[in-house]
Amino acid sequence: MGIYETKGRIFNIQRFSIHDGPGIRTIVFFKGCYMRCAWCCNPESQEYKIQTLVENGKEKIVGKDVTVAEILPEILADVNYYRRSGGGVTLSGGEILAQPEFARDLLHACKDAGLHTAVESTANADFESIRQILPYLDLYLMDIKHMDSAKHREYTRAGNELILENAKKIAESDVELIVRTPVVPTFNDTAEEIRAISRFAATLKGVKEHHLLPYHRLGQDKYAGLDRNYSLKGIEPPTQERMEYLLSVAEESGLKCQIGG
């Protein structure tokens, strides 16, 4: 079977994004994730199964099975915008490594079409799954959420040991690696916690940037639509002043740091 026949399960394709890698990009959102981050703004991405989401009082089916060949034309429709802006395609989720063959072959097809490729991923998977995608990847946007494994597990249901080990291995490849941290009050919004992440990021070969992503509640209503509880209800997003302070802390590492990504 060729790469264009490989099947995967997605739940959205978002065009004209400017926040998920350089330039104007198309984002393909994969279904399925190994983690359950308490703040996740795409809870419909977590389960691999196709679901029904109630949104504005109407039922919506979330998830569909597609082949690389079926979604490639939609990605290539904006190729002129990619070329003018230095953009391309980004695979997101969920966790793209939960569908490694589909991620690999979709990236392969995009590279064959001359596109800049990126993924958003925590790298919480066997490194062989990561190794498969690296030859077809230009940019790895990697979440490193916390350096303390116990607290990481408390808020995400997964430890961080594999994530940190894979970060070192990805950094040894030729793929550009940018570390990103969702800044979530009660979880990791202290100077000590951000400093620890940024210092670790600075030890990774070739890593030059650390992006701080402020927590928001834009996906909160989806939890009710999936008949789930949102555990961070009542937690306020960090203020701009707080984010600027944490940015100054991160910059102590010597990396180029920014708010947002």
C-alpha atoms as a PDB file:
ATOM      1  CA  MET A   1       0.000   0.000   0.000  1.00  0.00           C
ATOM      2  CA  GLY A   2       1.366   3.421  -0.948  1.00  0.00           C
ATOM      3  CA  ILE A   3       1.540   6.430   1.349  1.00  0.00           C
ATOM      4  CA  TYR A   4      -1.536   8.006  -0.229  1.00  0.00           C
ATOM      5  CA  GLU A   5      -3.756   5.093   0.804  1.00  0.00           C
ATOM      6  CA  THR A   6      -2.794   5.219   4.491  1.00  0.00           C
ATOM      7  CA  LYS A   7      -5.846   5.859   6.669  1.00  0.00           C
ATOM      8  CA  GLY A   8      -6.139   7.987   9.765  1.00  0.00           C
ATOM      9  CA  ARG A   9      -8.793   9.510  11.997  1.00  0.00           C
ATOM     10  CA  ILE A  10      -9.061  13.302  12.278  1.00  0.00           C
ATOM     11  CA  PHE A  11     -11.612  15.698  13.758  1.00  0.00           C
ATOM     12  CA  ASN A  12     -10.827  19.013  12.090  1.00  0.00           C
ATOM     13  CA  ILE A  13      -8.802  20.796   9.415  1.00  0.00           C
ATOM     14  CA  GLN A  14      -8.155  24.460  10.136  1.00  0.00           C
ATOM     15  CA  ARG A  15      -6.919  26.728   7.350  1.00  0.00           C
ATOM     16  CA  PHE A  16      -5.140  30.095   7.597  1.00  0.00           C
ATOM     17  CA  SER A  17      -3.633  29.535  11.045  1.00  0.00           C
ATOM     18  CA  ILE A  18      -0.771  31.825  12.111  1.00  0.00           C
ATOM     19  CA  HIS A  19      -0.101  30.344  15.569  1.00  0.00           C
ATOM     20  CA  ASP A  20       1.200  26.841  14.927  1.00  0.00           C
ATOM     21  CA  GLY A  21       4.509  27.347  13.193  1.00  0.00           C
ATOM     22  CA  PRO A  22       5.869  29.975  10.782  1.00  0.00           C
ATOM     23  CA  GLY A  23       3.739  31.735   8.212  1.00  0.00           C
ATOM     24  CA  ILE A  24       0.196  30.858   7.172  1.00  0.00           C
ATOM     25  CA  ARG A  25      -0.545  27.204   7.856  1.00  0.00           C
ATOM     26  CA  THR A  26      -3.160  24.485   7.593  1.00  0.00           C
ATOM     27  CA  ILE A  27      -3.596  22.464  10.782  1.00  0.00           C
ATOM     28  CA  VAL A  28      -4.764  18.847  10.667  1.00  0.00           C
ATOM     29  CA  PHE A  29      -6.127  17.722  14.036  1.00  0.00           C
ATOM     30  CA  PHE A  30      -5.725  14.021  14.850  1.00  0.00           C
ATOM     31  CA  LYS A  31      -8.065  11.993  17.054  1.00  0.00           C
ATOM     32  CA  GLY A  32      -6.625  10.154  20.046  1.00  0.00           C
ATOM     33  CA  CYS A  33      -4.216  11.054  22.847  1.00  0.00           C
ATOM     34  CA  TYR A  34      -2.181   9.227  25.483  1.00  0.00           C
ATOM     35  CA  MET A  35      -2.686  11.996  28.044  1.00  0.00           C
ATOM     36  CA  ARG A  36      -5.596  13.766  29.732  1.00  0.00           C
ATOM     37  CA  CYS A  37      -4.378  17.278  30.446  1.00  0.00           C
ATOM     38  CA  ALA A  38      -6.806  18.993  32.799  1.00  0.00           C
ATOM     39  CA  TRP A  39      -6.798  22.201  30.714  1.00  0.00           C
ATOM     40  CA  CYS A  40      -7.092  20.587  27.275  1.00  0.00           C
ATOM     41  CA  CYS A  41      -9.018  22.900  24.945  1.00  0.00           C
ATOM     42  CA  ASN A  42      -9.776  20.047  22.523  1.00  0.00           C
ATOM     43  CA  PRO A  43     -11.290  17.350  24.765  1.00  0.00           C
ATOM     44  CA  GLU A  44     -12.916  15.871  21.675  1.00  0.00           C
ATOM     45  CA  SER A  45      -9.398  14.964  20.544  1.00  0.00           C
ATOM     46  CA  GLN A  46      -8.602  12.730  23.494  1.00  0.00           C
ATOM     47  CA  GLU A  47     -10.660   9.658  22.618  1.00  0.00           C
ATOM     48  CA  TYR A  48      -9.780   7.868  19.399  1.00  0.00           C
ATOM     49  CA  LYS A  49     -13.378   6.747  18.971  1.00  0.00           C
ATOM     50  CA  ILE A  50     -15.830   8.822  16.945  1.00  0.00           C
ATOM     51  CA  GLN A  51     -18.003  10.819  19.349  1.00  0.00           C
ATOM     52  CA  THR A  52     -21.112  12.971  19.523  1.00  0.00           C
ATOM     53  CA  LEU A  53     -20.563  16.490  20.845  1.00  0.00           C
ATOM     54  CA  VAL A  54     -23.505  18.698  21.804  1.00  0.00           C
ATOM     55  CA  GLU A  55     -22.693  22.240  20.701  1.00  0.00           C
ATOM     56  CA  ASN A  56     -25.185  25.106  20.975  1.00  0.00           C
ATOM     57  CA  GLY A  57     -27.926  22.584  21.580  1.00  0.00           C
ATOM     58  CA  LYS A  58     -27.144  20.599  18.425  1.00  0.00           C
ATOM     59  CA  GLU A  59     -25.444  17.244  18.103  1.00  0.00           C
ATOM     60  CA  LYS A  60     -22.239  17.141  16.097  1.00  0.00           C
ATOM     61  CA  ILE A  61     -20.315  14.035  15.061  1.00  0.00           C
ATOM     62  CA  VAL A  62     -16.640  14.420  15.949  1.00  0.00           C
ATOM     63  CA  GLY A  63     -14.144  12.323  14.054  1.00  0.00           C
ATOM     64  CA  LYS A  64     -13.893  10.902  10.555  1.00  0.00           C
ATOM     65  CA  ASP A  65     -11.649   8.400   8.810  1.00  0.00           C
ATOM     66  CA  VAL A  66      -9.710   9.673   5.817  1.00  0.00           C
ATOM     67  CA  THR A  67      -6.810   8.662   3.608  1.00  0.00           C
ATOM     68  CA  VAL A  68      -3.801  10.823   2.849  1.00  0.00           C
ATOM     69  CA  ALA A  69      -5.065  11.169  -0.714  1.00  0.00           C
ATOM     70  CA  GLU A  70      -8.461  12.416   0.461  1.00  0.00           C
ATOM     71  CA  ILE A  71      -7.202  15.319   2.568  1.00  0.00           C
ATOM     72  CA  LEU A  72      -4.105  16.309   0.602  1.00  0.00           C
ATOM     73  CA  PRO A  73      -6.065  18.468  -1.903  1.00  0.00           C
ATOM     74  CA  GLU A  74      -7.493  20.555   0.944  1.00  0.00           C
ATOM     75  CA  ILE A  75      -3.996  21.091   2.330  1.00  0.00           C
ATOM     76  CA  LEU A  76      -2.572  21.990  -1.085  1.00  0.00           C
ATOM     77  CA  ALA A  77      -5.397  24.449  -1.818  1.00  0.00           C
ATOM     78  CA  ASP A  78      -3.472  27.176   0.032  1.00  0.00           C
ATOM     79  CA  VAL A  79      -0.026  26.455  -1.351  1.00  0.00           C
ATOM     80  CA  ASN A  80       0.313  30.020  -2.699  1.00  0.00           C
ATOM     81  CA  TYR A  81      -0.251  31.416   0.800  1.00  0.00           C
ATOM     82  CA  TYR A  82       2.348  29.036   2.228  1.00  0.00           C
ATOM     83  CA  ARG A  83       4.941  30.133  -0.314  1.00  0.00           C
ATOM     84  CA  ARG A  84       4.342  33.847   0.206  1.00  0.00           C
ATOM     85  CA  SER A  85       4.423  33.623   4.005  1.00  0.00           C
ATOM     86  CA  GLY A  86       6.894  30.812   4.598  1.00  0.00           C
ATOM     87  CA  GLY A  87       4.078  28.651   5.946  1.00  0.00           C
ATOM     88  CA  GLY A  88       2.997  25.075   5.426  1.00  0.00           C
ATOM     89  CA  VAL A  89       1.184  22.257   7.197  1.00  0.00           C
ATOM     90  CA  THR A  90       1.098  21.388  10.922  1.00  0.00           C
ATOM     91  CA  LEU A  91      -0.179  18.122  12.379  1.00  0.00           C
ATOM     92  CA  SER A  92      -1.798  18.515  15.796  1.00  0.00           C
ATOM     93  CA  GLY A  93      -4.282  16.733  18.013  1.00  0.00           C
ATOM     94  CA  GLY A  94      -4.774  14.965  20.252  1.00  0.00           C
ATOM     95  CA  GLU A  95      -1.383  13.353  19.975  1.00  0.00           C
ATOM     96  CA  ILE A  96      -0.216  12.715  16.435  1.00  0.00           C
ATOM     97  CA  LEU A  97       2.047   9.900  17.651  1.00  0.00           C
ATOM     98  CA  ALA A  98      -1.036   7.885  18.597  1.00  0.00           C
ATOM     99  CA  GLN A  99      -1.386   7.401  14.801  1.00  0.00           C
ATOM    100  CA  PRO A 100       2.295   7.186  13.782  1.00  0.00           C
ATOM    101  CA  GLU A 101       1.878   5.586  10.351  1.00  0.00           C
ATOM    102  CA  PHE A 102      -0.741   8.114   9.279  1.00  0.00           C
ATOM    103  CA  ALA A 103       1.381  10.988  10.607  1.00  0.00           C
ATOM    104  CA  ARG A 104       4.460   9.657   8.798  1.00  0.00           C
ATOM    105  CA  ASP A 105       2.749   9.185   5.453  1.00  0.00           C
ATOM    106  CA  LEU A 106       0.839  12.478   5.550  1.00  0.00           C
ATOM    107  CA  LEU A 107       4.078  14.322   6.323  1.00  0.00           C
ATOM    108  CA  HIS A 108       5.828  12.353   3.569  1.00  0.00           C
ATOM    109  CA  ALA A 109       3.182  13.377   1.030  1.00  0.00           C
ATOM    110  CA  CYS A 110       3.377  17.012   2.130  1.00  0.00           C
ATOM    111  CA  LYS A 111       7.179  17.023   1.810  1.00  0.00           C
ATOM    112  CA  ASP A 112       6.885  15.468  -1.651  1.00  0.00           C
ATOM    113  CA  ALA A 113       4.616  18.414  -2.519  1.00  0.00           C
ATOM    114  CA  GLY A 114       7.305  20.848  -1.368  1.00  0.00           C
ATOM    115  CA  LEU A 115       5.606  21.993   1.835  1.00  0.00           C
ATOM    116  CA  HIS A 116       7.185  23.062   5.135  1.00  0.00           C
ATOM    117  CA  THR A 117       6.053  20.518   7.744  1.00  0.00           C
ATOM    118  CA  ALA A 118       5.556  20.799  11.502  1.00  0.00           C
ATOM    119  CA  VAL A 119       3.978  18.824  14.329  1.00  0.00           C
ATOM    120  CA  GLU A 120       2.614  19.776  17.739  1.00  0.00           C
ATOM    121  CA  SER A 121       3.319  16.900  20.104  1.00  0.00           C
ATOM    122  CA  THR A 122       4.334  16.025  23.644  1.00  0.00           C
ATOM    123  CA  ALA A 123       6.521  13.164  22.345  1.00  0.00           C
ATOM    124  CA  ASN A 124       4.951  10.865  24.939  1.00  0.00           C
ATOM    125  CA  ALA A 125       5.399   7.751  22.815  1.00  0.00           C
ATOM    126  CA  ASP A 126       7.916   5.081  21.929  1.00  0.00           C
ATOM    127  CA  PHE A 127      10.822   6.761  20.154  1.00  0.00           C
ATOM    128  CA  GLU A 128      10.416   4.451  17.161  1.00  0.00           C
ATOM    129  CA  SER A 129       7.133   6.266  16.416  1.00  0.00           C
ATOM    130  CA  ILE A 130       9.034   9.561  16.471  1.00  0.00           C
ATOM    131  CA  ARG A 131      11.923   8.198  14.404  1.00  0.00           C
ATOM    132  CA  GLN A 132       9.456   7.362  11.608  1.00  0.00           C
ATOM    133  CA  ILE A 133       8.336  10.954  11.145  1.00  0.00           C
ATOM    134  CA  LEU A 134      11.679  12.777  11.483  1.00  0.00           C
ATOM    135  CA  PRO A 135      12.802  12.339   7.830  1.00  0.00           C
ATOM    136  CA  TYR A 136       9.707  14.240   6.662  1.00  0.00           C
ATOM    137  CA  LEU A 137       9.642  16.912   9.357  1.00  0.00           C
ATOM    138  CA  ASP A 138      11.027  20.464   9.438  1.00  0.00           C
ATOM    139  CA  LEU A 139       9.807  21.644  12.856  1.00  0.00           C
ATOM    140  CA  TYR A 140       8.884  19.870  16.085  1.00  0.00           C
ATOM    141  CA  LEU A 141       6.787  22.053  18.429  1.00  0.00           C
ATOM    142  CA  MET A 142       7.134  20.106  21.656  1.00  0.00           C
ATOM    143  CA  ASP A 143       5.192  20.670  24.857  1.00  0.00           C
ATOM    144  CA  ILE A 144       7.227  20.343  28.031  1.00  0.00           C
ATOM    145  CA  LYS A 145       4.710  21.025  30.761  1.00  0.00           C
ATOM    146  CA  HIS A 146       6.539  20.330  34.034  1.00  0.00           C
ATOM    147  CA  MET A 147       9.840  18.983  35.338  1.00  0.00           C
ATOM    148  CA  ASP A 148       8.300  17.222  38.343  1.00  0.00           C
ATOM    149  CA  SER A 149       6.899  13.873  37.221  1.00  0.00           C
ATOM    150  CA  ALA A 150       4.454  13.482  40.123  1.00  0.00           C
ATOM    151  CA  LYS A 151       2.810  16.847  39.485  1.00  0.00           C
ATOM    152  CA  HIS A 152       2.888  16.173  35.735  1.00  0.00           C
ATOM    153  CA  ARG A 153       0.991  12.936  36.342  1.00  0.00           C
ATOM    154  CA  GLU A 154      -1.505  14.624  38.680  1.00  0.00           C
ATOM    155  CA  TYR A 155      -2.619  17.043  35.961  1.00  0.00           C
ATOM    156  CA  THR A 156      -2.085  14.961  32.798  1.00  0.00           C
ATOM    157  CA  ARG A 157      -2.382  11.309  33.955  1.00  0.00           C
ATOM    158  CA  ALA A 158       1.112  10.603  32.630  1.00  0.00           C
ATOM    159  CA  GLY A 159       4.616  10.958  34.016  1.00  0.00           C
ATOM    160  CA  ASN A 160       7.247  13.022  32.202  1.00  0.00           C
ATOM    161  CA  GLU A 161      10.231  10.637  32.075  1.00  0.00           C
ATOM    162  CA  LEU A 162       9.622   9.417  28.521  1.00  0.00           C
ATOM    163  CA  ILE A 163       8.862  12.954  27.334  1.00  0.00           C
ATOM    164  CA  LEU A 164      12.131  14.373  28.660  1.00  0.00           C
ATOM    165  CA  GLU A 165      14.163  11.461  27.297  1.00  0.00           C
ATOM    166  CA  ASN A 166      12.586  11.846  23.861  1.00  0.00           C
ATOM    167  CA  ALA A 167      13.253  15.591  23.908  1.00  0.00           C
ATOM    168  CA  LYS A 168      16.974  14.839  24.151  1.00  0.00           C
ATOM    169  CA  LYS A 169      16.778  12.390  21.246  1.00  0.00           C
ATOM    170  CA  ILE A 170      14.781  14.741  19.014  1.00  0.00           C
ATOM    171  CA  ALA A 171      17.293  17.496  19.753  1.00  0.00           C
ATOM    172  CA  GLU A 172      20.045  15.248  18.374  1.00  0.00           C
ATOM    173  CA  SER A 173      18.255  15.018  15.005  1.00  0.00           C
ATOM    174  CA  ASP A 174      18.380  17.568  12.183  1.00  0.00           C
ATOM    175  CA  VAL A 175      14.805  18.697  12.897  1.00  0.00           C
ATOM    176  CA  GLU A 176      14.289  22.143  14.422  1.00  0.00           C
ATOM    177  CA  LEU A 177      12.923  21.778  17.953  1.00  0.00           C
ATOM    178  CA  ILE A 178      11.015  24.533  19.788  1.00  0.00           C
ATOM    179  CA  VAL A 179       9.943  23.937  23.382  1.00  0.00           C
ATOM    180  CA  ARG A 180       6.525  25.221  24.392  1.00  0.00           C
ATOM    181  CA  THR A 181       4.937  25.342  27.832  1.00  0.00           C
ATOM    182  CA  PRO A 182       1.239  25.906  28.544  1.00  0.00           C
ATOM    183  CA  VAL A 183       1.252  28.174  31.612  1.00  0.00           C
ATOM    184  CA  VAL A 184      -1.554  26.931  33.857  1.00  0.00           C
ATOM    185  CA  PRO A 185      -2.318  28.468  37.283  1.00  0.00           C
ATOM    186  CA  THR A 186      -2.061  25.922  40.154  1.00  0.00           C
ATOM    187  CA  PHE A 187      -0.020  23.636  37.875  1.00  0.00           C
ATOM    188  CA  ASN A 188       3.144  25.375  36.688  1.00  0.00           C
ATOM    189  CA  ASP A 189       2.839  29.167  36.958  1.00  0.00           C
ATOM    190  CA  THR A 190       5.555  29.794  39.539  1.00  0.00           C
ATOM    191  CA  ALA A 191       8.974  31.216  38.771  1.00  0.00           C
ATOM    192  CA  GLU A 192      10.633  28.032  40.023  1.00  0.00           C
ATOM    193  CA  GLU A 193       8.598  25.792  37.747  1.00  0.00           C
ATOM    194  CA  ILE A 194       9.070  27.886  34.608  1.00  0.00           C
ATOM    195  CA  ARG A 195      12.766  28.401  35.376  1.00  0.00           C
ATOM    196  CA  ALA A 196      13.290  24.641  35.657  1.00  0.00           C
ATOM    197  CA  ILE A 197      11.641  23.971  32.285  1.00  0.00           C
ATOM    198  CA  SER A 198      13.540  26.729  30.516  1.00  0.00           C
ATOM    199  CA  ARG A 199      16.862  25.601  31.991  1.00  0.00           C
ATOM    200  CA  PHE A 200      16.208  22.054  30.774  1.00  0.00           C
ATOM    201  CA  ALA A 201      15.255  23.358  27.318  1.00  0.00           C
ATOM    202  CA  ALA A 202      18.547  25.266  27.182  1.00  0.00           C
ATOM    203  CA  THR A 203      20.473  21.999  27.639  1.00  0.00           C
ATOM    204  CA  LEU A 204      18.919  20.490  24.504  1.00  0.00           C
ATOM    205  CA  LYS A 205      21.179  20.561  21.468  1.00  0.00           C
ATOM    206  CA  GLY A 206      20.162  23.216  18.956  1.00  0.00           C
ATOM    207  CA  VAL A 207      17.133  24.469  20.896  1.00  0.00           C
ATOM    208  CA  LYS A 208      16.996  28.264  20.704  1.00  0.00           C
ATOM    209  CA  GLU A 209      13.401  29.099  21.638  1.00  0.00           C
ATOM    210  CA  HIS A 210      11.008  28.587  24.555  1.00  0.00           C
ATOM    211  CA  HIS A 211       7.406  29.712  24.080  1.00  0.00           C
ATOM    212  CA  LEU A 212       5.047  30.309  27.015  1.00  0.00           C
ATOM    213  CA  LEU A 213       1.406  29.700  26.124  1.00  0.00           C
ATOM    214  CA  PRO A 214      -1.065  31.309  28.563  1.00  0.00           C
ATOM    215  CA  TYR A 215      -3.876  29.088  29.817  1.00  0.00           C
ATOM    216  CA  HIS A 216      -7.348  29.912  28.485  1.00  0.00           C
ATOM    217  CA  ARG A 217     -10.825  28.459  28.903  1.00  0.00           C
ATOM    218  CA  LEU A 218     -11.990  28.508  25.294  1.00  0.00           C
ATOM    219  CA  GLY A 219     -12.685  24.773  25.259  1.00  0.00           C
ATOM    220  CA  GLN A 220     -14.511  24.595  28.586  1.00  0.00           C
ATOM    221  CA  ASP A 221     -18.026  24.317  27.104  1.00  0.00           C
ATOM    222  CA  LYS A 222     -16.977  21.275  25.087  1.00  0.00           C
ATOM    223  CA  TYR A 223     -16.664  19.244  28.282  1.00  0.00           C
ATOM    224  CA  ALA A 224     -20.355  19.695  29.046  1.00  0.00           C
ATOM    225  CA  GLY A 225     -21.088  18.852  25.399  1.00  0.00           C
ATOM    226  CA  LEU A 226     -19.269  15.550  25.902  1.00  0.00           C
ATOM    227  CA  ASP A 227     -20.958  14.982  29.286  1.00  0.00           C
ATOM    228  CA  ARG A 228     -17.647  15.421  31.089  1.00  0.00           C
ATOM    229  CA  ASN A 229     -16.537  17.488  34.067  1.00  0.00           C
ATOM    230  CA  TYR A 230     -14.075  20.359  33.576  1.00  0.00           C
ATOM    231  CA  SER A 231     -11.774  20.054  36.578  1.00  0.00           C
ATOM    232  CA  LEU A 232     -10.220  23.529  36.336  1.00  0.00           C
ATOM    233  CA  LYS A 233     -13.511  25.365  36.608  1.00  0.00           C
ATOM    234  CA  GLY A 234     -12.926  28.624  38.458  1.00  0.00           C
ATOM    235  CA  ILE A 235      -9.237  28.849  37.543  1.00  0.00           C
ATOM    236  CA  GLU A 236      -8.547  32.265  36.014  1.00  0.00           C
ATOM    237  CA  PRO A 237      -6.146  32.698  33.071  1.00  0.00           C
ATOM    238  CA  PRO A 238      -2.820  34.299  34.009  1.00  0.00           C
ATOM    239  CA  THR A 239      -2.697  38.085  33.692  1.00  0.00           C
ATOM    240  CA  GLN A 240      -0.501  39.786  31.121  1.00  0.00           C
ATOM    241  CA  GLU A 241       1.615  41.109  33.978  1.00  0.00           C
ATOM    242  CA  ARG A 242       2.118  37.585  35.311  1.00  0.00           C
ATOM    243  CA  MET A 243       3.022  36.243  31.876  1.00  0.00           C
ATOM    244  CA  GLU A 244       5.572  39.016  31.352  1.00  0.00           C
ATOM    245  CA  TYR A 245       7.151  38.210  34.709  1.00  0.00           C
ATOM    246  CA  LEU A 246       7.384  34.510  33.846  1.00  0.00           C
ATOM    247  CA  LEU A 247       8.788  35.450  30.461  1.00  0.00           C
ATOM    248  CA  SER A 248      11.598  37.351  32.196  1.00  0.00           C
ATOM    249  CA  VAL A 249      12.256  34.271  34.334  1.00  0.00           C
ATOM    250  CA  ALA A 250      12.422  32.020  31.273  1.00  0.00           C
ATOM    251  CA  GLU A 251      14.820  34.424  29.568  1.00  0.00           C
ATOM    252  CA  GLU A 252      17.363  33.779  32.322  1.00  0.00           C
ATOM    253  CA  SER A 253      18.152  30.549  30.458  1.00  0.00           C
ATOM    254  CA  GLY A 254      19.574  32.478  27.529  1.00  0.00           C
ATOM    255  CA  LEU A 255      16.956  31.172  25.128  1.00  0.00           C
ATOM    256  CA  LYS A 256      14.816  33.376  22.900  1.00  0.00           C
ATOM    257  CA  CYS A 257      11.534  33.381  24.797  1.00  0.00           C
ATOM    258  CA  GLN A 258       8.102  34.684  23.867  1.00  0.00           C
ATOM    259  CA  ILE A 259       4.491  34.677  25.021  1.00  0.00           C
ATOM    260  CA  GLY A 260       2.349  32.675  22.608  1.00  0.00           C
ATOM    261  CA  GLY A 261       3.507  30.476  19.807  1.00  0.00           C
END
